[in-house]
């Protein structure tokens, strides 16, 4: 599974597919992603964020701000 973060809520999201689309500046690779909260987006691959791995011993929940 190729994982990223949802641009709307920050939840873990899965890259469902990738495709190269033509633009006026030339071809750009895009990805369709969907997150655990059912948001979905079609955006350039360059805009994807890699999730940060949590340390194995850190079981504390992360706080939302």
N, C-alpha and C. Protein backbone atom coordinates (compact mmCIF):
# COMPACT_ATOMS: atom_id res chain seq x y z
N UNK A 1 0.85 -1.18 0.00
CA UNK A 1 0.00 0.00 0.00
C UNK A 1 0.89 1.24 0.00
N UNK A 2 0.58 2.14 -0.86
CA UNK A 2 1.28 3.43 -0.92
C UNK A 2 0.47 4.39 -0.06
N UNK A 3 1.07 4.91 1.01
CA UNK A 3 0.35 5.74 1.97
C UNK A 3 0.81 7.19 1.89
N UNK A 4 -0.10 8.08 2.24
CA UNK A 4 0.15 9.51 2.30
C UNK A 4 -0.75 10.09 3.38
N UNK A 5 -0.81 11.40 3.48
CA UNK A 5 -1.69 12.05 4.44
C UNK A 5 -2.77 12.81 3.70
N UNK A 6 -3.97 12.82 4.26
CA UNK A 6 -5.09 13.55 3.67
C UNK A 6 -4.82 15.04 3.76
N UNK A 7 -4.94 15.78 2.66
CA UNK A 7 -4.71 17.23 2.71
C UNK A 7 -5.79 17.98 3.49
N UNK A 8 -6.95 17.37 3.71
CA UNK A 8 -8.03 18.05 4.43
C UNK A 8 -7.98 17.82 5.94
N UNK A 9 -7.81 16.55 6.36
CA UNK A 9 -7.90 16.25 7.79
C UNK A 9 -6.61 15.70 8.40
N UNK A 10 -5.62 15.36 7.58
CA UNK A 10 -4.35 14.86 8.09
C UNK A 10 -4.35 13.39 8.44
N UNK A 11 -5.46 12.68 8.21
CA UNK A 11 -5.54 11.24 8.49
C UNK A 11 -4.74 10.46 7.44
N UNK A 12 -4.44 9.22 7.76
CA UNK A 12 -3.74 8.35 6.83
C UNK A 12 -4.60 8.13 5.60
N UNK A 13 -3.99 8.20 4.43
CA UNK A 13 -4.72 8.03 3.17
C UNK A 13 -3.98 7.05 2.27
N UNK A 14 -4.72 6.34 1.44
CA UNK A 14 -4.17 5.37 0.51
C UNK A 14 -4.17 5.94 -0.90
N UNK A 15 -3.06 5.75 -1.60
CA UNK A 15 -3.00 6.11 -3.02
C UNK A 15 -3.67 4.97 -3.78
N UNK A 16 -4.81 5.26 -4.41
CA UNK A 16 -5.56 4.22 -5.11
C UNK A 16 -5.05 3.98 -6.52
N UNK A 17 -4.68 5.02 -7.22
CA UNK A 17 -4.09 4.86 -8.54
C UNK A 17 -3.33 6.11 -8.93
N UNK A 18 -2.46 5.95 -9.91
CA UNK A 18 -1.67 7.05 -10.45
C UNK A 18 -1.85 7.07 -11.97
N UNK A 19 -1.79 8.26 -12.54
CA UNK A 19 -1.89 8.40 -13.99
C UNK A 19 -1.17 9.67 -14.41
N UNK A 20 -0.63 9.65 -15.61
CA UNK A 20 0.01 10.84 -16.16
C UNK A 20 -1.02 11.58 -16.99
N UNK A 21 -1.21 12.85 -16.67
CA UNK A 21 -2.19 13.68 -17.38
C UNK A 21 -1.47 14.82 -18.09
N UNK A 22 -1.94 15.15 -19.25
CA UNK A 22 -1.35 16.24 -20.03
C UNK A 22 -1.74 17.59 -19.44
N UNK A 23 -0.85 18.54 -19.57
CA UNK A 23 -1.13 19.92 -19.15
C UNK A 23 -0.43 20.86 -20.13
N UNK A 24 -0.67 22.13 -19.97
CA UNK A 24 -0.01 23.09 -20.87
C UNK A 24 1.49 23.16 -20.63
N UNK A 25 1.94 22.74 -19.45
CA UNK A 25 3.38 22.69 -19.14
C UNK A 25 3.99 21.32 -19.40
N UNK A 26 3.23 20.39 -19.97
CA UNK A 26 3.71 19.04 -20.23
C UNK A 26 3.02 18.04 -19.31
N UNK A 27 3.36 16.76 -19.44
CA UNK A 27 2.70 15.73 -18.64
C UNK A 27 3.04 15.84 -17.15
N UNK A 28 2.03 15.62 -16.31
CA UNK A 28 2.19 15.66 -14.85
C UNK A 28 1.55 14.41 -14.27
N UNK A 29 2.29 13.71 -13.40
CA UNK A 29 1.74 12.51 -12.76
C UNK A 29 0.79 12.93 -11.63
N UNK A 30 -0.42 12.35 -11.64
CA UNK A 30 -1.44 12.62 -10.63
C UNK A 30 -1.77 11.32 -9.89
N UNK A 31 -2.33 11.46 -8.69
CA UNK A 31 -2.75 10.31 -7.91
C UNK A 31 -4.14 10.56 -7.34
N UNK A 32 -4.93 9.51 -7.26
CA UNK A 32 -6.22 9.58 -6.58
C UNK A 32 -5.99 8.96 -5.21
N UNK A 33 -6.33 9.72 -4.15
CA UNK A 33 -6.15 9.22 -2.80
C UNK A 33 -7.48 9.25 -2.07
N UNK A 34 -7.63 8.37 -1.08
CA UNK A 34 -8.80 8.40 -0.20
C UNK A 34 -8.31 8.10 1.21
N UNK A 35 -8.89 8.83 2.17
CA UNK A 35 -8.44 8.70 3.56
C UNK A 35 -9.43 7.88 4.38
N UNK A 36 -9.06 7.64 5.62
CA UNK A 36 -9.89 6.86 6.53
C UNK A 36 -11.23 7.53 6.82
N UNK A 37 -11.30 8.84 6.64
CA UNK A 37 -12.54 9.58 6.90
C UNK A 37 -13.36 9.79 5.62
N UNK A 38 -13.00 9.07 4.57
CA UNK A 38 -13.71 9.04 3.29
C UNK A 38 -13.59 10.30 2.45
N UNK A 39 -12.61 11.14 2.72
CA UNK A 39 -12.32 12.24 1.80
C UNK A 39 -11.55 11.64 0.63
N UNK A 40 -11.69 12.19 -0.55
CA UNK A 40 -10.86 11.74 -1.68
C UNK A 40 -10.46 12.94 -2.51
N UNK A 41 -9.30 12.79 -3.14
CA UNK A 41 -8.72 13.88 -3.93
C UNK A 41 -8.00 13.31 -5.14
N UNK A 42 -7.92 14.11 -6.19
CA UNK A 42 -7.08 13.85 -7.35
C UNK A 42 -6.10 15.01 -7.39
N UNK A 43 -4.81 14.73 -7.15
CA UNK A 43 -3.83 15.80 -7.07
C UNK A 43 -2.49 15.35 -7.62
N UNK A 44 -1.63 16.31 -7.96
CA UNK A 44 -0.31 15.95 -8.47
C UNK A 44 0.49 15.15 -7.43
N UNK A 45 1.25 14.19 -7.90
CA UNK A 45 2.05 13.35 -7.01
C UNK A 45 3.03 14.21 -6.20
N UNK A 46 3.49 15.30 -6.76
CA UNK A 46 4.42 16.17 -6.04
C UNK A 46 3.80 16.77 -4.79
N UNK A 47 2.47 16.80 -4.69
CA UNK A 47 1.79 17.37 -3.53
C UNK A 47 1.55 16.35 -2.41
N UNK A 48 1.88 15.08 -2.64
CA UNK A 48 1.66 14.05 -1.61
C UNK A 48 2.64 14.22 -0.46
N UNK A 49 2.16 13.96 0.75
CA UNK A 49 3.02 14.02 1.94
C UNK A 49 3.23 12.61 2.46
N UNK A 50 4.46 12.31 2.84
CA UNK A 50 4.76 11.01 3.43
C UNK A 50 4.44 11.05 4.92
N UNK A 51 3.72 10.03 5.42
CA UNK A 51 3.44 10.00 6.86
C UNK A 51 4.73 9.80 7.64
N UNK A 52 4.83 10.44 8.81
CA UNK A 52 6.00 10.29 9.67
C UNK A 52 5.84 9.04 10.51
N UNK A 53 6.84 8.16 10.51
CA UNK A 53 6.74 6.95 11.36
C UNK A 53 6.81 7.32 12.83
N UNK A 54 5.99 6.66 13.65
CA UNK A 54 6.02 6.88 15.09
C UNK A 54 7.01 5.91 15.71
N UNK A 55 7.73 6.33 16.74
CA UNK A 55 8.65 5.42 17.42
C UNK A 55 7.90 4.21 17.96
N UNK A 56 8.53 3.05 17.91
CA UNK A 56 7.89 1.79 18.31
C UNK A 56 7.46 1.80 19.77
N UNK A 57 8.21 2.43 20.66
CA UNK A 57 7.89 2.42 22.07
C UNK A 57 6.90 3.50 22.49
N UNK A 58 6.56 4.41 21.60
CA UNK A 58 5.68 5.52 21.93
C UNK A 58 4.24 5.13 21.64
N UNK A 59 3.50 4.73 22.69
CA UNK A 59 2.12 4.30 22.53
C UNK A 59 1.12 5.39 22.94
N UNK A 60 1.62 6.56 23.27
CA UNK A 60 0.73 7.66 23.67
C UNK A 60 -0.03 8.16 22.45
N UNK A 61 -1.32 8.47 22.62
CA UNK A 61 -2.06 9.01 21.48
C UNK A 61 -1.55 10.41 21.13
N UNK A 62 -1.60 10.72 19.87
CA UNK A 62 -1.19 12.07 19.45
C UNK A 62 -2.33 13.03 19.71
N UNK A 63 -2.01 14.25 20.07
CA UNK A 63 -3.01 15.25 20.36
C UNK A 63 -3.29 16.08 19.12
N UNK A 64 -4.54 16.33 18.89
CA UNK A 64 -4.94 17.21 17.78
C UNK A 64 -5.00 18.63 18.29
N UNK A 65 -4.50 19.56 17.50
CA UNK A 65 -4.53 20.97 17.91
C UNK A 65 -5.60 21.70 17.17
